[in-house]
């Protein structure tokens, strides 16, 4: 077994245990720093709490508005759907009640209506491309009104 012997040149460690009182004093000092809140810090926390509360209230109001509008849109969509369904039903009922053959026979036999002959058809040019209400006869040239737009 080998033994190692320290000579007189090797330093010996001097370990001193910290005093219990100094640890307690430093802990008390740290606690007092943590517990002590100056006026600025308290004001900052109060303002932060008020701002957070304001933001939360505004958020809840916006959510409420969104919910109300969504419900309103849903009711309008239902109303539109019901109106479209009613219109389609009425249109189909009208189309089923009309018999174009009967209408043509009645117009020709009872009212004496006939189809137009090719020489009775007058073609005309509309200045703006929309319909025209006729208040007088159409001229032979077929031009109702003159305009710089239509040539």
Protein backbone atom coordinates (compact mmCIF):
# COMPACT_ATOMS: atom_id res chain seq x y z
CA UNK A 1 0.00 0.00 0.00
CA UNK A 2 1.36 3.32 -1.08
CA UNK A 3 1.05 6.31 1.10
CA UNK A 4 1.17 9.81 -0.19
CA UNK A 5 2.50 12.35 2.18
CA UNK A 6 1.99 16.03 1.73
CA UNK A 7 5.02 18.04 2.13
CA UNK A 8 5.33 21.43 3.74
CA UNK A 9 4.92 23.14 0.36
CA UNK A 10 1.32 21.99 -0.20
CA UNK A 11 -1.24 24.44 0.99
CA UNK A 12 -3.79 23.32 3.39
CA UNK A 13 -7.32 24.41 2.72
CA UNK A 14 -8.79 26.59 5.36
CA UNK A 15 -12.50 25.92 5.25
CA UNK A 16 -14.55 28.17 7.43
CA UNK A 17 -18.20 27.37 7.78
CA UNK A 18 -20.39 30.41 7.28
CA UNK A 19 -22.04 31.63 10.36
CA UNK A 20 -25.67 30.86 10.69
CA UNK A 21 -26.47 34.43 11.64
CA UNK A 22 -24.97 35.94 8.48
CA UNK A 23 -27.04 33.57 6.28
CA UNK A 24 -30.22 34.55 8.11
CA UNK A 25 -29.40 38.25 7.82
CA UNK A 26 -28.76 38.01 4.07
CA UNK A 27 -31.98 36.01 3.59
CA UNK A 28 -33.92 38.66 5.55
CA UNK A 29 -32.38 41.41 3.47
CA UNK A 30 -33.33 39.64 0.21
CA UNK A 31 -36.88 39.07 1.48
CA UNK A 32 -37.28 42.70 2.39
CA UNK A 33 -36.08 43.73 -1.07
CA UNK A 34 -38.58 41.39 -2.69
CA UNK A 35 -41.46 42.40 -0.44
CA UNK A 36 -40.77 46.10 -0.69
CA UNK A 37 -42.65 47.63 -3.62
CA UNK A 38 -42.03 51.23 -4.38
CA UNK A 39 -44.78 53.61 -5.54
CA UNK A 40 -43.83 53.45 -9.23
CA UNK A 41 -44.05 49.68 -9.31
CA UNK A 42 -47.49 49.71 -7.68
CA UNK A 43 -48.74 52.35 -10.14
CA UNK A 44 -47.36 50.33 -13.04
CA UNK A 45 -49.10 47.16 -11.85
CA UNK A 46 -52.39 49.04 -11.33
CA UNK A 47 -52.25 50.55 -14.84
CA UNK A 48 -51.37 47.18 -16.34
CA UNK A 49 -54.33 45.56 -14.56
CA UNK A 50 -56.73 48.29 -15.76
CA UNK A 51 -55.47 48.00 -19.34
CA UNK A 52 -55.81 44.20 -19.24
CA UNK A 53 -59.36 44.52 -17.89
CA UNK A 54 -60.25 47.07 -20.59
CA UNK A 55 -58.88 44.82 -23.35
CA UNK A 56 -60.81 41.84 -22.00
CA UNK A 57 -64.08 43.81 -21.85
CA UNK A 58 -63.58 45.09 -25.40
CA UNK A 59 -62.83 41.57 -26.62
CA UNK A 60 -66.00 40.21 -25.02
CA UNK A 61 -68.08 43.02 -26.57
CA UNK A 62 -66.63 42.29 -30.00
CA UNK A 63 -67.37 38.59 -29.58
CA UNK A 64 -70.94 39.44 -28.60
CA UNK A 65 -71.36 41.69 -31.66
CA UNK A 66 -69.97 39.04 -33.95
CA UNK A 67 -72.36 36.45 -32.52
CA UNK A 68 -75.37 38.78 -32.93
CA UNK A 69 -74.42 39.63 -36.52
CA UNK A 70 -73.88 35.98 -37.36
CA UNK A 71 -77.34 35.14 -36.02
CA UNK A 72 -78.84 38.05 -37.99
CA UNK A 73 -77.11 36.90 -41.19
CA UNK A 74 -78.38 33.38 -40.61
CA UNK A 75 -81.96 34.67 -40.21
CA UNK A 76 -81.63 36.75 -43.40
CA UNK A 77 -80.29 33.74 -45.29
CA UNK A 78 -83.25 31.66 -44.10
CA UNK A 79 -85.65 34.43 -45.14
CA UNK A 80 -84.00 34.61 -48.58
CA UNK A 81 -84.16 30.83 -48.94
CA UNK A 82 -87.86 30.82 -48.00
CA UNK A 83 -88.59 33.64 -50.47
CA UNK A 84 -86.72 31.84 -53.27
CA UNK A 85 -88.61 28.64 -52.52
CA UNK A 86 -91.96 30.50 -52.54
CA UNK A 87 -91.07 32.22 -55.83
CA UNK A 88 -90.03 28.95 -57.44
CA UNK A 89 -93.25 27.30 -56.29
CA UNK A 90 -95.39 30.14 -57.66
CA UNK A 91 -93.44 30.25 -60.92
CA UNK A 92 -93.88 26.50 -61.43
CA UNK A 93 -97.59 26.77 -60.61
CA UNK A 94 -98.01 29.57 -63.17
CA UNK A 95 -96.01 27.74 -65.81
CA UNK A 96 -98.02 24.57 -65.24
CA UNK A 97 -101.32 26.47 -65.40
CA UNK A 98 -100.47 28.07 -68.77
CA UNK A 99 -100.97 26.14 -71.95
CA UNK A 100 -99.31 28.03 -74.78
CA UNK A 101 -101.22 26.03 -77.39
CA UNK A 102 -104.54 27.12 -75.88
CA UNK A 103 -103.39 30.75 -75.74
CA UNK A 104 -102.34 30.72 -79.40
CA UNK A 105 -105.59 29.03 -80.49
CA UNK A 106 -107.69 31.52 -78.52
CA UNK A 107 -105.72 34.50 -79.90
CA UNK A 108 -106.04 33.32 -83.49
CA UNK A 109 -109.62 32.00 -83.39
CA UNK A 110 -111.40 34.34 -80.95
CA UNK A 111 -109.43 37.57 -81.38
CA UNK A 112 -108.45 37.15 -85.04
CA UNK A 113 -104.74 37.58 -84.50
CA UNK A 114 -102.37 36.36 -87.22
CA UNK A 115 -98.63 36.05 -87.59
CA UNK A 116 -96.89 39.07 -89.17
CA UNK A 117 -95.97 38.91 -92.85
CA UNK A 118 -92.33 39.60 -93.75
CA UNK A 119 -93.24 42.90 -95.42
CA UNK A 120 -94.92 44.08 -92.19
CA UNK A 121 -91.72 43.77 -90.17
CA UNK A 122 -89.73 47.02 -89.90
CA UNK A 123 -86.20 46.84 -88.60
CA UNK A 124 -84.78 49.91 -86.95
CA UNK A 125 -81.60 51.04 -85.28
CA UNK A 126 -81.71 52.13 -81.67
CA UNK A 127 -79.27 54.92 -80.78
CA UNK A 128 -78.27 53.47 -77.44
CA UNK A 129 -79.08 49.78 -77.85
CA UNK A 130 -81.96 49.73 -75.35
CA UNK A 131 -85.67 49.41 -75.92
CA UNK A 132 -87.70 52.25 -77.44
CA UNK A 133 -91.24 53.28 -76.64
CA UNK A 134 -93.03 54.11 -79.87
CA UNK A 135 -95.11 57.30 -79.80
CA UNK A 136 -95.38 57.69 -83.57
CA UNK A 137 -94.71 55.77 -86.77
CA UNK A 138 -91.26 54.47 -87.64
CA UNK A 139 -89.70 56.30 -90.61
CA UNK A 140 -88.96 54.38 -93.82
CA UNK A 141 -85.22 54.85 -93.29
CA UNK A 142 -85.49 52.81 -90.07
CA UNK A 143 -83.49 55.39 -88.12
CA UNK A 144 -85.44 56.60 -85.09
CA UNK A 145 -83.03 59.27 -83.84
CA UNK A 146 -79.64 60.43 -84.89
CA UNK A 147 -76.75 60.38 -82.48
CA UNK A 148 -73.02 60.87 -82.63
CA UNK A 149 -72.56 57.49 -80.97
CA UNK A 150 -74.45 55.47 -83.60
CA UNK A 151 -73.46 55.83 -87.25
